[in-house]
Amino acid sequence: MFSSSNVTVSNSHLRIVYLGDTAQLWLENTAIKYCNVYDQAQTLVHWLLDVHVVEWAGDDVPCADVEVMCPEGANGMNGTNGRPTKTVVTGVDGWARLTLAEKLLTATGEYPAGVYTVRAGYGGYSETTTVNMTENKRIQLGFKGLSIQESGSLLLALLSAVTLLVGRQRP
């Protein structure tokens, strides 16, 4: 790739890539065996991080916030150092997916992103871990003391009470 090309490659395996001029290559979930970068060209290598948030009994926690903090020195790859670079919410199955940089390849060298801090939060509960993105990864964060079944029962009771009150107000 040369000139001012801007290419994204996902879910692949590449053997040999040459980049020059101001070309940019974004790799997501893609292994590369050999990448030769010239001039002002650059390659950003990204992987997928799947985060599963569970409560004390291992049940899924839907609608939990998952925040990822950018590693020191990784400006330009994901965001600002020490600030949330990405925030997502888990689905009903307790899973969230993020795309995070592993490294930046330029004519002057290879610059790893470093270690990310991953935090999950739900209500007053919070759990944190770290991850180094060198490939696709799956992690699990659990909240000790949280019981989704108990929370669900309480929510059901509140909804029933609201339904009764609304039903009584009708003429």
Foldseek 3Di string as FASTA:
>chain_A
DEDAAEEEDECEEAEEEEYEDAYEYEYELYHYNYYAAYDNYKYWYKYKEKEAEEEPVRQGDFFKKKFKAFDPPQPPFFHDHPDGSDIDTHHPRRMDMDIGTQWMQHNVGIGGRDKMKMWIGDDPFIFIDIDHPPYYYYDYTYTYPDDVVVVVVVVVVVVVVVVVVVVVPDD
